[in-house]
Amino acid sequence: MIRTATPADVPVIHALIRDLAEYEKALDEVRTTPEQLHEALFGDRPAAYAHLATDGNGEAVGFALWFLNFSTWRGVHGIYLEDLYVRPEARGGGHGKALLRELARICVERGYERLEWSVLNWNEPSIAFYESLGARPQDEWTVYRLTDGALAELGGGGV
């Protein structure tokens, strides 16, 4: 079952984010607090949205956290999937596909023309899964990121 997250779900979403980071060997990079997550998802101006995949007992076994992007070429919003994660013991049960199906449904319903995400190059099981759904890599694009000192320097006018 897939459902929209509620404020009561913040602790489990936070735990799932930490589980994902551990899986990606980057747990030490997680700085998000439950309070920040609550504000981002349920504050006055939500910056992101989340859906949970639950098992037969209603326990959260996975999540999708996403936000809107905008295509200047198409002139409409799209969804950028920041994180998709299903706990290892629940994999193979259709939860990941159900989460992606829900986001695709939202895109179709709202007239959004893109559902996009990034995947680590070494994550071959996820790549195979995404391609089985019809997703294709955008090989001609390279993701760039400014963080920490470089971001502060550029944002502070130091360049």
Protein backbone atom coordinates (compact mmCIF):
# COMPACT_ATOMS: atom_id res chain seq x y z
CA MET A 1 0.00 0.00 0.00
CA ILE A 2 1.20 3.51 -0.82
CA ARG A 3 0.05 6.51 1.15
CA THR A 4 0.91 10.17 1.48
CA ALA A 5 3.11 10.88 4.49
CA THR A 6 1.70 12.74 7.49
CA PRO A 7 3.49 14.72 10.22
CA ALA A 8 3.33 11.62 12.45
CA ASP A 9 5.52 9.82 9.87
CA VAL A 10 8.52 12.15 10.25
CA PRO A 11 10.42 9.84 12.65
CA VAL A 12 10.09 6.84 10.33
CA ILE A 13 10.99 8.91 7.26
CA HIS A 14 14.06 10.16 9.10
CA ALA A 15 15.00 6.58 9.98
CA LEU A 16 14.52 5.48 6.36
CA ILE A 17 16.73 8.35 5.16
CA ARG A 18 19.44 7.15 7.53
CA ASP A 19 18.96 3.56 6.30
CA LEU A 20 19.34 4.75 2.70
CA ALA A 21 22.48 6.70 3.56
CA GLU A 22 23.94 3.66 5.26
CA TYR A 23 23.17 1.54 2.18
CA GLU A 24 24.93 4.16 0.04
CA LYS A 25 27.90 4.15 2.44
CA ALA A 26 27.33 7.81 3.31
CA LEU A 27 25.68 7.79 6.74
CA ASP A 28 28.22 10.32 8.01
CA GLU A 29 26.85 12.83 5.46
CA VAL A 30 23.31 12.88 6.89
CA ARG A 31 22.73 16.13 8.74
CA THR A 32 18.95 16.26 8.47
CA THR A 33 17.12 16.43 11.77
CA PRO A 34 13.53 15.34 12.29
CA GLU A 35 12.68 19.02 12.94
CA GLN A 36 14.14 20.09 9.59
CA LEU A 37 12.34 17.28 7.85
CA HIS A 38 9.05 18.25 9.47
CA GLU A 39 9.46 21.86 8.33
CA ALA A 40 10.42 20.82 4.79
CA LEU A 41 7.46 18.47 4.42
CA PHE A 42 4.75 20.09 6.53
CA GLY A 43 5.77 23.69 7.24
CA ASP A 44 4.01 26.80 5.94
CA ARG A 45 5.81 26.48 2.60
CA PRO A 46 6.56 22.79 1.98
CA ALA A 47 9.69 22.25 -0.08
CA ALA A 48 9.19 18.53 -0.57
CA TYR A 49 6.62 15.77 -0.38
CA ALA A 50 6.77 12.15 0.71
CA HIS A 51 4.94 8.90 0.20
CA LEU A 52 5.33 5.73 2.22
CA ALA A 53 5.11 2.12 1.17
CA THR A 54 3.64 -0.04 3.92
CA ASP A 55 3.44 -3.77 4.44
CA GLY A 56 0.34 -5.79 5.32
CA ASN A 57 0.59 -4.65 8.94
CA GLY A 58 0.74 -0.97 8.02
CA GLU A 59 4.45 -0.70 8.89
CA ALA A 60 6.50 1.61 6.66
CA VAL A 61 8.95 -0.41 4.59
CA GLY A 62 9.94 2.25 2.07
CA PHE A 63 9.54 5.85 1.02
CA ALA A 64 9.78 8.28 -1.86
CA LEU A 65 10.70 11.89 -1.16
CA TRP A 66 10.22 14.30 -4.05
CA PHE A 67 9.79 17.91 -5.07
CA LEU A 68 8.63 19.86 -8.10
CA ASN A 69 10.98 20.97 -10.81
CA PHE A 70 10.16 22.98 -13.91
CA SER A 71 11.02 22.47 -17.56
CA THR A 72 11.54 25.71 -19.44
CA TRP A 73 11.39 23.75 -22.70
CA ARG A 74 8.08 22.06 -21.95
CA GLY A 75 6.63 24.90 -19.90
CA VAL A 76 5.31 22.68 -17.12
CA HIS A 77 6.34 21.19 -13.81
CA GLY A 78 7.78 17.76 -13.32
CA ILE A 79 8.66 15.66 -10.31
CA TYR A 80 12.23 15.20 -9.18
CA LEU A 81 12.54 12.10 -7.04
CA GLU A 82 15.19 12.88 -4.44
CA ASP A 83 15.10 9.55 -2.64
CA LEU A 84 13.49 6.17 -3.22
CA TYR A 85 14.26 3.47 -0.71
CA VAL A 86 12.80 0.12 0.29
CA ARG A 87 14.19 -1.76 3.26
CA PRO A 88 16.20 -4.83 2.18
CA GLU A 89 13.83 -7.31 3.81
CA ALA A 90 10.91 -5.86 1.83
CA ARG A 91 12.59 -5.72 -1.57
CA GLY A 92 11.03 -7.78 -4.31
CA GLY A 93 7.56 -7.17 -2.89
CA GLY A 94 6.61 -4.49 -5.44
CA HIS A 95 6.96 -1.54 -3.05
CA GLY A 96 9.47 0.40 -5.16
CA LYS A 97 7.41 -0.06 -8.30
CA ALA A 98 4.27 0.99 -6.44
CA LEU A 99 5.99 4.17 -5.20
CA LEU A 100 7.13 5.05 -8.72
CA ARG A 101 3.69 4.21 -10.10
CA GLU A 102 2.14 6.66 -7.61
CA LEU A 103 4.52 9.44 -8.64
CA ALA A 104 3.84 8.70 -12.32
CA ARG A 105 0.11 8.83 -11.57
CA ILE A 106 0.55 12.25 -9.94
CA CYS A 107 2.46 13.45 -13.01
CA VAL A 108 -0.26 12.28 -15.38
CA GLU A 109 -3.08 13.63 -13.21
CA ARG A 110 -1.47 17.08 -12.87
CA GLY A 111 -0.14 17.39 -16.42
CA TYR A 112 3.51 17.14 -15.39
CA GLU A 113 5.65 15.85 -18.23
CA ARG A 114 8.71 14.48 -16.45
CA LEU A 115 9.58 12.18 -13.58
CA GLU A 116 13.32 12.30 -13.02
CA TRP A 117 15.87 11.03 -10.52
CA SER A 118 19.54 10.17 -10.17
CA VAL A 119 21.07 6.81 -9.38
CA LEU A 120 24.58 5.97 -8.29
CA ASN A 121 26.60 4.37 -11.10
CA TRP A 122 27.51 1.37 -8.93
CA ASN A 123 23.90 0.61 -7.98
CA GLU A 124 23.33 -1.97 -10.70
CA PRO A 125 20.24 -3.61 -9.13
CA SER A 126 18.45 -0.24 -9.05
CA ILE A 127 19.56 0.64 -12.59
CA ALA A 128 18.21 -2.68 -13.88
CA PHE A 129 14.96 -2.12 -11.98
CA TYR A 130 14.49 1.41 -13.38
CA GLU A 131 15.25 0.30 -16.92
CA SER A 132 12.74 -2.56 -16.57
CA LEU A 133 10.09 0.11 -16.02
CA GLY A 134 11.08 1.97 -19.20
CA ALA A 135 13.28 4.65 -17.61
CA ARG A 136 16.34 5.60 -19.61
CA PRO A 137 19.59 7.22 -18.47
CA GLN A 138 20.31 10.74 -19.62
CA ASP A 139 23.91 10.05 -20.58
CA GLU A 140 24.48 13.42 -22.17
CA TRP A 141 24.01 15.24 -18.84
CA THR A 142 26.44 15.42 -15.95
CA VAL A 143 25.21 16.43 -12.50
CA TYR A 144 27.15 19.22 -10.81
CA ARG A 145 26.87 20.21 -7.18
CA LEU A 146 28.12 23.06 -5.00
CA THR A 147 28.27 22.40 -1.26
CA ASP A 148 30.10 23.41 1.87
CA GLY A 149 33.08 25.71 1.32
CA ALA A 150 32.67 26.09 -2.44
CA LEU A 151 29.02 27.09 -2.00
CA ALA A 152 29.88 29.53 0.78
CA GLU A 153 32.66 31.07 -1.27
CA LEU A 154 30.54 31.56 -4.36
CA GLY A 155 27.50 32.71 -2.39
CA GLY A 156 29.60 35.12 -0.38
CA GLY A 157 30.98 36.78 -3.49
CA GLY A 158 34.43 35.28 -3.09
CA VAL A 159 34.83 34.22 -6.74
